PDB file of all heavy atoms in Angstrom:
ATOM      1  N   ILE A   1     -18.814  46.826 -14.905  1.00  0.00           N
ATOM      2  CA  ILE A   1     -18.432  45.645 -14.262  1.00  0.00           C
ATOM      3  C   ILE A   1     -17.885  46.121 -12.855  1.00  0.00           C
ATOM      4  O   ILE A   1     -18.226  45.544 -11.828  1.00  0.00           O
ATOM      5  CB  ILE A   1     -17.273  44.826 -14.883  1.00  0.00           C
ATOM      6  CG1 ILE A   1     -17.844  44.208 -16.293  1.00  0.00           C
ATOM      7  CG2 ILE A   1     -16.763  43.772 -13.983  1.00  0.00           C
ATOM      8  CD1 ILE A   1     -18.708  43.102 -16.108  1.00  0.00           C
ATOM      9  N   ALA A   2     -16.961  47.074 -12.938  1.00  0.00           N
ATOM     10  CA  ALA A   2     -16.315  47.506 -11.590  1.00  0.00           C
ATOM     11  C   ALA A   2     -17.370  48.282 -10.621  1.00  0.00           C
ATOM     12  O   ALA A   2     -17.152  48.143  -9.478  1.00  0.00           O
ATOM     13  CB  ALA A   2     -15.180  48.478 -11.908  1.00  0.00           C
ATOM     14  N   SER A   3     -18.296  48.968 -11.164  1.00  0.00           N
ATOM     15  CA  SER A   3     -19.222  49.608 -10.376  1.00  0.00           C
ATOM     16  C   SER A   3     -20.543  48.923 -10.044  1.00  0.00           C
ATOM     17  O   SER A   3     -21.261  49.392  -9.177  1.00  0.00           O
ATOM     18  CB  SER A   3     -19.615  51.023 -11.064  1.00  0.00           C
ATOM     19  OG  SER A   3     -20.314  50.694 -12.270  1.00  0.00           O
ATOM     20  N   SER A   4     -20.722  47.821 -10.688  1.00  0.00           N
ATOM     21  CA  SER A   4     -22.099  47.185 -10.558  1.00  0.00           C
ATOM     22  C   SER A   4     -22.397  46.842  -9.098  1.00  0.00           C
ATOM     23  O   SER A   4     -23.629  47.066  -8.664  1.00  0.00           O
ATOM     24  CB  SER A   4     -22.136  45.972 -11.389  1.00  0.00           C
ATOM     25  OG  SER A   4     -21.140  44.926 -10.997  1.00  0.00           O
ATOM     26  N   SER A   5     -21.478  46.145  -8.381  1.00  0.00           N
ATOM     27  CA  SER A   5     -21.819  45.756  -6.961  1.00  0.00           C
ATOM     28  C   SER A   5     -22.101  47.019  -6.167  1.00  0.00           C
ATOM     29  O   SER A   5     -23.008  46.948  -5.186  1.00  0.00           O
ATOM     30  CB  SER A   5     -20.627  44.943  -6.394  1.00  0.00           C
ATOM     31  OG  SER A   5     -19.355  45.651  -6.406  1.00  0.00           O
ATOM     32  N   TYR A   6     -21.354  48.061  -6.331  1.00  0.00           N
ATOM     33  CA  TYR A   6     -21.573  49.238  -5.577  1.00  0.00           C
ATOM     34  C   TYR A   6     -22.959  49.927  -5.891  1.00  0.00           C
ATOM     35  O   TYR A   6     -23.691  50.501  -5.010  1.00  0.00           O
ATOM     36  CB  TYR A   6     -20.481  50.338  -5.679  1.00  0.00           C
ATOM     37  CG  TYR A   6     -19.091  49.822  -5.219  1.00  0.00           C
ATOM     38  CD1 TYR A   6     -18.116  49.159  -6.119  1.00  0.00           C
ATOM     39  CD2 TYR A   6     -18.858  49.750  -3.766  1.00  0.00           C
ATOM     40  CE1 TYR A   6     -16.981  48.599  -5.663  1.00  0.00           C
ATOM     41  CE2 TYR A   6     -17.601  49.302  -3.394  1.00  0.00           C
ATOM     42  CZ  TYR A   6     -16.743  48.624  -4.313  1.00  0.00           C
ATOM     43  OH  TYR A   6     -15.531  48.152  -3.799  1.00  0.00           O
ATOM     44  N   ILE A   7     -23.306  49.910  -7.109  1.00  0.00           N
ATOM     45  CA  ILE A   7     -24.551  50.509  -7.679  1.00  0.00           C
ATOM     46  C   ILE A   7     -25.703  49.717  -7.031  1.00  0.00           C
ATOM     47  O   ILE A   7     -26.620  50.351  -6.424  1.00  0.00           O
ATOM     48  CB  ILE A   7     -24.614  50.555  -9.171  1.00  0.00           C
ATOM     49  CG1 ILE A   7     -23.634  51.567  -9.740  1.00  0.00           C
ATOM     50  CG2 ILE A   7     -26.098  50.821  -9.597  1.00  0.00           C
ATOM     51  CD1 ILE A   7     -23.576  51.600 -11.222  1.00  0.00           C
ATOM     52  N   TYR A   8     -25.685  48.379  -7.106  1.00  0.00           N
ATOM     53  CA  TYR A   8     -26.780  47.569  -6.734  1.00  0.00           C
ATOM     54  C   TYR A   8     -26.801  47.362  -5.198  1.00  0.00           C
ATOM     55  O   TYR A   8     -27.903  47.400  -4.562  1.00  0.00           O
ATOM     56  CB  TYR A   8     -26.776  46.249  -7.564  1.00  0.00           C
ATOM     57  CG  TYR A   8     -27.295  46.247  -8.931  1.00  0.00           C
ATOM     58  CD1 TYR A   8     -26.408  46.024  -9.935  1.00  0.00           C
ATOM     59  CD2 TYR A   8     -28.630  46.629  -9.273  1.00  0.00           C
ATOM     60  CE1 TYR A   8     -26.829  46.082 -11.211  1.00  0.00           C
ATOM     61  CE2 TYR A   8     -29.007  46.691 -10.496  1.00  0.00           C
ATOM     62  CZ  TYR A   8     -28.179  46.439 -11.557  1.00  0.00           C
ATOM     63  OH  TYR A   8     -28.652  46.382 -12.808  1.00  0.00           O
ATOM     64  N   ILE A   9     -25.669  47.098  -4.644  1.00  0.00           N
ATOM     65  CA  ILE A   9     -25.705  46.724  -3.122  1.00  0.00           C
ATOM     66  C   ILE A   9     -25.661  47.839  -2.299  1.00  0.00           C
ATOM     67  O   ILE A   9     -26.567  48.053  -1.345  1.00  0.00           O
ATOM     68  CB  ILE A   9     -24.405  45.898  -2.883  1.00  0.00           C
ATOM     69  CG1 ILE A   9     -24.503  44.488  -3.636  1.00  0.00           C
ATOM     70  CG2 ILE A   9     -24.301  45.670  -1.394  1.00  0.00           C
ATOM     71  CD1 ILE A   9     -23.190  43.605  -3.497  1.00  0.00           C
ATOM     72  N   ARG A  10     -24.818  48.904  -2.582  1.00  0.00           N
ATOM     73  CA  ARG A  10     -24.797  50.016  -1.680  1.00  0.00           C
ATOM     74  C   ARG A  10     -25.731  51.198  -2.235  1.00  0.00           C
ATOM     75  O   ARG A  10     -26.122  51.971  -1.486  1.00  0.00           O
ATOM     76  CB  ARG A  10     -23.320  50.582  -1.535  1.00  0.00           C
ATOM     77  CG  ARG A  10     -22.507  49.551  -0.852  1.00  0.00           C
ATOM     78  CD  ARG A  10     -21.150  50.035  -0.453  1.00  0.00           C
ATOM     79  NE  ARG A  10     -20.525  49.038   0.334  1.00  0.00           N
ATOM     80  CZ  ARG A  10     -19.211  49.058   0.760  1.00  0.00           C
ATOM     81  NH1 ARG A  10     -18.491  50.155   0.418  1.00  0.00           N
ATOM     82  NH2 ARG A  10     -18.665  48.067   1.531  1.00  0.00           N
ATOM     83  N   GLY A  11     -25.893  51.374  -3.500  1.00  0.00           N
ATOM     84  CA  GLY A  11     -26.740  52.391  -4.005  1.00  0.00           C
ATOM     85  C   GLY A  11     -28.239  52.071  -3.967  1.00  0.00           C
ATOM     86  O   GLY A  11     -28.876  52.861  -3.447  1.00  0.00           O
ATOM     87  N   PHE A  12     -28.572  50.928  -4.408  1.00  0.00           N
ATOM     88  CA  PHE A  12     -30.047  50.478  -4.378  1.00  0.00           C
ATOM     89  C   PHE A  12     -30.379  49.629  -3.138  1.00  0.00           C
ATOM     90  O   PHE A  12     -31.470  49.346  -2.896  1.00  0.00           O
ATOM     91  CB  PHE A  12     -30.349  49.673  -5.579  1.00  0.00           C
ATOM     92  CG  PHE A  12     -30.498  50.540  -6.849  1.00  0.00           C
ATOM     93  CD1 PHE A  12     -29.665  50.342  -7.948  1.00  0.00           C
ATOM     94  CD2 PHE A  12     -31.407  51.682  -6.986  1.00  0.00           C
ATOM     95  CE1 PHE A  12     -29.734  51.048  -9.053  1.00  0.00           C
ATOM     96  CE2 PHE A  12     -31.460  52.405  -8.109  1.00  0.00           C
ATOM     97  CZ  PHE A  12     -30.641  52.180  -9.111  1.00  0.00           C
ATOM     98  N   GLY A  13     -29.372  49.243  -2.389  1.00  0.00           N
ATOM     99  CA  GLY A  13     -29.579  48.613  -1.135  1.00  0.00           C
ATOM    100  C   GLY A  13     -30.010  47.096  -1.272  1.00  0.00           C
ATOM    101  O   GLY A  13     -30.654  46.472  -0.422  1.00  0.00           O
ATOM    102  N   LEU A  14     -29.529  46.399  -2.295  1.00  0.00           N
ATOM    103  CA  LEU A  14     -29.864  45.044  -2.509  1.00  0.00           C
ATOM    104  C   LEU A  14     -28.809  44.143  -1.771  1.00  0.00           C
ATOM    105  O   LEU A  14     -27.676  44.576  -1.469  1.00  0.00           O
ATOM    106  CB  LEU A  14     -29.805  44.649  -4.030  1.00  0.00           C
ATOM    107  CG  LEU A  14     -30.741  45.518  -4.943  1.00  0.00           C
ATOM    108  CD1 LEU A  14     -30.564  45.071  -6.326  1.00  0.00           C
ATOM    109  CD2 LEU A  14     -32.229  45.405  -4.503  1.00  0.00           C
ATOM    110  N   ASN A  15     -29.256  42.902  -1.496  1.00  0.00           N
ATOM    111  CA  ASN A  15     -28.221  41.937  -0.995  1.00  0.00           C
ATOM    112  C   ASN A  15     -27.504  41.267  -2.153  1.00  0.00           C
ATOM    113  O   ASN A  15     -27.679  41.559  -3.348  1.00  0.00           O
ATOM    114  CB  ASN A  15     -28.937  40.897  -0.191  1.00  0.00           C
ATOM    115  CG  ASN A  15     -29.952  40.079  -0.849  1.00  0.00           C
ATOM    116  OD1 ASN A  15     -29.688  39.851  -2.113  1.00  0.00           O
ATOM    117  ND2 ASN A  15     -31.003  39.664  -0.264  1.00  0.00           N
ATOM    118  N   GLU A  16     -26.384  40.527  -1.829  1.00  0.00           N
ATOM    119  CA  GLU A  16     -25.508  40.031  -2.715  1.00  0.00           C
ATOM    120  C   GLU A  16     -26.165  39.009  -3.807  1.00  0.00           C
ATOM    121  O   GLU A  16     -25.918  39.152  -4.954  1.00  0.00           O
ATOM    122  CB  GLU A  16     -24.329  39.268  -2.070  1.00  0.00           C
ATOM    123  CG  GLU A  16     -23.319  40.039  -1.371  1.00  0.00           C
ATOM    124  CD  GLU A  16     -23.746  40.307   0.076  1.00  0.00           C
ATOM    125  OE1 GLU A  16     -24.905  40.015   0.434  1.00  0.00           O
ATOM    126  OE2 GLU A  16     -22.988  40.877   0.850  1.00  0.00           O
ATOM    127  N   LEU A  17     -27.199  38.302  -3.317  1.00  0.00           N
ATOM    128  CA  LEU A  17     -27.799  37.366  -4.284  1.00  0.00           C
ATOM    129  C   LEU A  17     -28.711  38.156  -5.242  1.00  0.00           C
ATOM    130  O   LEU A  17     -28.821  37.749  -6.454  1.00  0.00           O
ATOM    131  CB  LEU A  17     -28.646  36.356  -3.505  1.00  0.00           C
ATOM    132  CG  LEU A  17     -29.189  35.204  -4.356  1.00  0.00           C
ATOM    133  CD1 LEU A  17     -28.171  34.439  -5.017  1.00  0.00           C
ATOM    134  CD2 LEU A  17     -30.069  34.260  -3.476  1.00  0.00           C
ATOM    135  N   ALA A  18     -29.478  39.074  -4.735  1.00  0.00           N
ATOM    136  CA  ALA A  18     -30.280  39.939  -5.565  1.00  0.00           C
ATOM    137  C   ALA A  18     -29.491  40.658  -6.597  1.00  0.00           C
ATOM    138  O   ALA A  18     -29.794  40.822  -7.752  1.00  0.00           O
ATOM    139  CB  ALA A  18     -31.068  41.014  -4.787  1.00  0.00           C
ATOM    140  N   TYR A  19     -28.280  41.137  -6.193  1.00  0.00           N
ATOM    141  CA  TYR A  19     -27.358  41.749  -7.129  1.00  0.00           C
ATOM    142  C   TYR A  19     -26.872  40.907  -8.247  1.00  0.00           C
ATOM    143  O   TYR A  19     -26.952  41.330  -9.422  1.00  0.00           O
ATOM    144  CB  TYR A  19     -26.154  42.322  -6.278  1.00  0.00           C
ATOM    145  CG  TYR A  19     -24.887  42.483  -7.179  1.00  0.00           C
ATOM    146  CD1 TYR A  19     -24.804  43.283  -8.176  1.00  0.00           C
ATOM    147  CD2 TYR A  19     -23.807  41.453  -7.042  1.00  0.00           C
ATOM    148  CE1 TYR A  19     -23.556  43.385  -8.990  1.00  0.00           C
ATOM    149  CE2 TYR A  19     -22.675  41.445  -7.781  1.00  0.00           C
ATOM    150  CZ  TYR A  19     -22.640  42.517  -8.741  1.00  0.00           C
ATOM    151  OH  TYR A  19     -21.415  42.531  -9.584  1.00  0.00           O
ATOM    152  N   SER A  20     -26.578  39.634  -7.878  1.00  0.00           N
ATOM    153  CA  SER A  20     -26.233  38.665  -8.911  1.00  0.00           C
ATOM    154  C   SER A  20     -27.265  38.548  -9.978  1.00  0.00           C
ATOM    155  O   SER A  20     -26.981  38.292 -11.182  1.00  0.00           O
ATOM    156  CB  SER A  20     -25.834  37.411  -8.306  1.00  0.00           C
ATOM    157  OG  SER A  20     -27.009  36.748  -7.699  1.00  0.00           O
ATOM    158  N   TYR A  21     -28.540  38.520  -9.573  1.00  0.00           N
ATOM    159  CA  TYR A  21     -29.680  38.416 -10.529  1.00  0.00           C
ATOM    160  C   TYR A  21     -29.649  39.582 -11.565  1.00  0.00           C
ATOM    161  O   TYR A  21     -29.946  39.396 -12.736  1.00  0.00           O
ATOM    162  CB  TYR A  21     -30.965  38.211  -9.894  1.00  0.00           C
ATOM    163  CG  TYR A  21     -31.076  36.838  -9.004  1.00  0.00           C
ATOM    164  CD1 TYR A  21     -31.866  36.861  -7.870  1.00  0.00           C
ATOM    165  CD2 TYR A  21     -30.401  35.679  -9.480  1.00  0.00           C
ATOM    166  CE1 TYR A  21     -31.930  35.640  -7.045  1.00  0.00           C
ATOM    167  CE2 TYR A  21     -30.452  34.570  -8.770  1.00  0.00           C
ATOM    168  CZ  TYR A  21     -31.320  34.625  -7.523  1.00  0.00           C
ATOM    169  OH  TYR A  21     -31.343  33.407  -6.770  1.00  0.00           O
ATOM    170  N   PHE A  22     -29.633  40.803 -10.946  1.00  0.00           N
ATOM    171  CA  PHE A  22     -29.604  41.962 -11.831  1.00  0.00           C
ATOM    172  C   PHE A  22     -28.374  41.936 -12.721  1.00  0.00           C
ATOM    173  O   PHE A  22     -28.481  42.243 -13.871  1.00  0.00           O
ATOM    174  CB  PHE A  22     -29.698  43.198 -11.038  1.00  0.00           C
ATOM    175  CG  PHE A  22     -31.010  43.577 -10.523  1.00  0.00           C
ATOM    176  CD1 PHE A  22     -31.438  43.312  -9.203  1.00  0.00           C
ATOM    177  CD2 PHE A  22     -31.962  44.289 -11.394  1.00  0.00           C
ATOM    178  CE1 PHE A  22     -32.682  43.572  -8.768  1.00  0.00           C
ATOM    179  CE2 PHE A  22     -33.165  44.594 -10.899  1.00  0.00           C
ATOM    180  CZ  PHE A  22     -33.599  44.272  -9.696  1.00  0.00           C
ATOM    181  N   PHE A  23     -27.304  41.550 -12.315  1.00  0.00           N
ATOM    182  CA  PHE A  23     -26.053  41.481 -13.131  1.00  0.00           C
ATOM    183  C   PHE A  23     -26.326  40.491 -14.230  1.00  0.00           C
ATOM    184  O   PHE A  23     -25.905  40.747 -15.365  1.00  0.00           O
ATOM    185  CB  PHE A  23     -24.835  41.154 -12.218  1.00  0.00           C
ATOM    186  CG  PHE A  23     -23.496  41.232 -12.869  1.00  0.00           C
ATOM    187  CD1 PHE A  23     -22.911  42.393 -12.842  1.00  0.00           C
ATOM    188  CD2 PHE A  23     -23.081  40.201 -13.621  1.00  0.00           C
ATOM    189  CE1 PHE A  23     -21.558  42.548 -13.414  1.00  0.00           C
ATOM    190  CE2 PHE A  23     -21.821  40.276 -14.331  1.00  0.00           C
ATOM    191  CZ  PHE A  23     -21.202  41.424 -14.265  1.00  0.00           C
ATOM    192  N   ALA A  24     -26.947  39.342 -13.805  1.00  0.00           N
ATOM    193  CA  ALA A  24     -27.098  38.249 -14.806  1.00  0.00           C
ATOM    194  C   ALA A  24     -28.052  38.747 -15.899  1.00  0.00           C
ATOM    195  O   ALA A  24     -27.954  38.358 -17.132  1.00  0.00           O
ATOM    196  CB  ALA A  24     -27.658  37.023 -14.116  1.00  0.00           C
ATOM    197  N   PHE A  25     -29.080  39.554 -15.537  1.00  0.00           N
ATOM    198  CA  PHE A  25     -30.034  40.158 -16.521  1.00  0.00           C
ATOM    199  C   PHE A  25     -29.346  40.724 -17.601  1.00  0.00           C
ATOM    200  O   PHE A  25     -29.568  40.565 -18.800  1.00  0.00           O
ATOM    201  CB  PHE A  25     -30.955  41.015 -15.757  1.00  0.00           C
ATOM    202  CG  PHE A  25     -31.968  41.705 -16.788  1.00  0.00           C
ATOM    203  CD1 PHE A  25     -33.033  41.117 -17.287  1.00  0.00           C
ATOM    204  CD2 PHE A  25     -31.693  43.030 -17.079  1.00  0.00           C
ATOM    205  CE1 PHE A  25     -33.932  41.679 -18.133  1.00  0.00           C
ATOM    206  CE2 PHE A  25     -32.615  43.759 -17.894  1.00  0.00           C
ATOM    207  CZ  PHE A  25     -33.747  43.092 -18.506  1.00  0.00           C
ATOM    208  N   ASN A  26     -28.401  41.630 -17.297  1.00  0.00           N
ATOM    209  CA  ASN A  26     -27.637  42.362 -18.307  1.00  0.00           C
ATOM    210  C   ASN A  26     -26.605  41.481 -19.047  1.00  0.00           C
ATOM    211  O   ASN A  26     -26.378  41.669 -20.288  1.00  0.00           O
ATOM    212  CB  ASN A  26     -26.872  43.575 -17.747  1.00  0.00           C
ATOM    213  CG  ASN A  26     -27.818  44.745 -17.457  1.00  0.00           C
ATOM    214  OD1 ASN A  26     -27.972  45.059 -16.263  1.00  0.00           O
ATOM    215  ND2 ASN A  26     -28.384  45.430 -18.518  1.00  0.00           N
ATOM    216  N   ALA A  27     -26.066  40.477 -18.249  1.00  0.00           N
ATOM    217  CA  ALA A  27     -25.140  39.607 -18.936  1.00  0.00           C
ATOM    218  C   ALA A  27     -25.854  38.688 -19.958  1.00  0.00           C
ATOM    219  O   ALA A  27     -25.183  38.314 -20.941  1.00  0.00           O
ATOM    220  CB  ALA A  27     -24.508  38.654 -17.843  1.00  0.00           C
ATOM    221  N   ILE A  28     -27.126  38.444 -19.797  1.00  0.00           N
ATOM    222  CA  ILE A  28     -27.835  37.697 -20.802  1.00  0.00           C
ATOM    223  C   ILE A  28     -27.890  38.396 -22.086  1.00  0.00           C
ATOM    224  O   ILE A  28     -27.809  37.827 -23.152  1.00  0.00           O
ATOM    225  CB  ILE A  28     -29.323  37.305 -20.259  1.00  0.00           C
ATOM    226  CG1 ILE A  28     -29.205  36.246 -19.075  1.00  0.00           C
ATOM    227  CG2 ILE A  28     -30.218  36.759 -21.372  1.00  0.00           C
ATOM    228  CD1 ILE A  28     -30.438  35.954 -18.421  1.00  0.00           C
ATOM    229  N   GLY A  29     -27.956  39.707 -21.972  1.00  0.00           N
ATOM    230  CA  GLY A  29     -27.944  40.503 -23.249  1.00  0.00           C
ATOM    231  C   GLY A  29     -26.564  40.394 -23.913  1.00  0.00           C
ATOM    232  O   GLY A  29     -26.606  40.186 -25.074  1.00  0.00           O
ATOM    233  N   MET A  30     -25.581  40.336 -23.150  1.00  0.00           N
ATOM    234  CA  MET A  30     -24.159  39.965 -23.774  1.00  0.00           C
ATOM    235  C   MET A  30     -24.173  38.700 -24.462  1.00  0.00           C
ATOM    236  O   MET A  30     -23.613  38.553 -25.492  1.00  0.00           O
ATOM    237  CB  MET A  30     -23.100  40.215 -22.702  1.00  0.00           C
ATOM    238  CG  MET A  30     -22.794  41.508 -22.300  1.00  0.00           C
ATOM    239  SD  MET A  30     -21.358  41.664 -21.178  1.00  0.00           S
ATOM    240  CE  MET A  30     -21.927  40.936 -19.723  1.00  0.00           C
ATOM    241  N   ILE A  31     -24.693  37.615 -23.784  1.00  0.00           N
ATOM    242  CA  ILE A  31     -24.695  36.333 -24.392  1.00  0.00           C
ATOM    243  C   ILE A  31     -25.420  36.193 -25.705  1.00  0.00           C
ATOM    244  O   ILE A  31     -25.039  35.581 -26.518  1.00  0.00           O
ATOM    245  CB  ILE A  31     -25.404  35.367 -23.373  1.00  0.00           C
ATOM    246  CG1 ILE A  31     -24.417  35.065 -22.212  1.00  0.00           C
ATOM    247  CG2 ILE A  31     -25.607  34.004 -24.077  1.00  0.00           C
ATOM    248  CD1 ILE A  31     -25.022  34.239 -21.092  1.00  0.00           C
ATOM    249  N   SER A  32     -26.556  36.951 -25.813  1.00  0.00           N
ATOM    250  CA  SER A  32     -27.319  36.863 -26.970  1.00  0.00           C
ATOM    251  C   SER A  32     -26.748  37.770 -28.129  1.00  0.00           C
ATOM    252  O   SER A  32     -27.104  37.465 -29.356  1.00  0.00           O
ATOM    253  CB  SER A  32     -28.776  37.565 -26.708  1.00  0.00           C
ATOM    254  OG  SER A  32     -28.618  38.887 -26.491  1.00  0.00           O
ATOM    255  N   SER A  33     -25.702  38.616 -27.861  1.00  0.00           N
ATOM    256  CA  SER A  33     -25.214  39.524 -28.883  1.00  0.00           C
ATOM    257  C   SER A  33     -24.562  38.953 -30.033  1.00  0.00           C
ATOM    258  O   SER A  33     -24.830  39.346 -31.169  1.00  0.00           O
ATOM    259  CB  SER A  33     -24.288  40.566 -28.299  1.00  0.00           C
ATOM    260  OG  SER A  33     -23.251  40.003 -27.594  1.00  0.00           O
ATOM    261  N   PRO A  34     -23.668  37.830 -29.906  1.00  0.00           N
ATOM    262  CA  PRO A  34     -23.131  37.227 -31.084  1.00  0.00           C
ATOM    263  C   PRO A  34     -24.240  36.611 -32.048  1.00  0.00           C
ATOM    264  O   PRO A  34     -24.106  36.641 -33.184  1.00  0.00           O
ATOM    265  CB  PRO A  34     -22.203  36.167 -30.498  1.00  0.00           C
ATOM    266  CG  PRO A  34     -21.764  36.688 -29.168  1.00  0.00           C
ATOM    267  CD  PRO A  34     -23.194  37.275 -28.655  1.00  0.00           C
ATOM    268  N   THR A  35     -25.218  36.034 -31.421  1.00  0.00           N
ATOM    269  CA  THR A  35     -26.319  35.286 -32.233  1.00  0.00           C
ATOM    270  C   THR A  35     -27.036  36.407 -32.963  1.00  0.00           C
ATOM    271  O   THR A  35     -27.544  36.251 -34.015  1.00  0.00           O
ATOM    272  CB  THR A  35     -27.248  34.568 -31.208  1.00  0.00           C
ATOM    273  OG1 THR A  35     -26.504  33.611 -30.558  1.00  0.00           O
ATOM    274  CG2 THR A  35     -28.359  33.876 -31.983  1.00  0.00           C
TER     275      THR A  35
END
């Protein structure tokens, strides 16, 4: 969580909106985990 914005925005050079999509991709995995 703490490093994600730096990894995607400054590490991979993505903009803020693109970063949010990648973050959401992994968060969808978290949502599915209880099910």
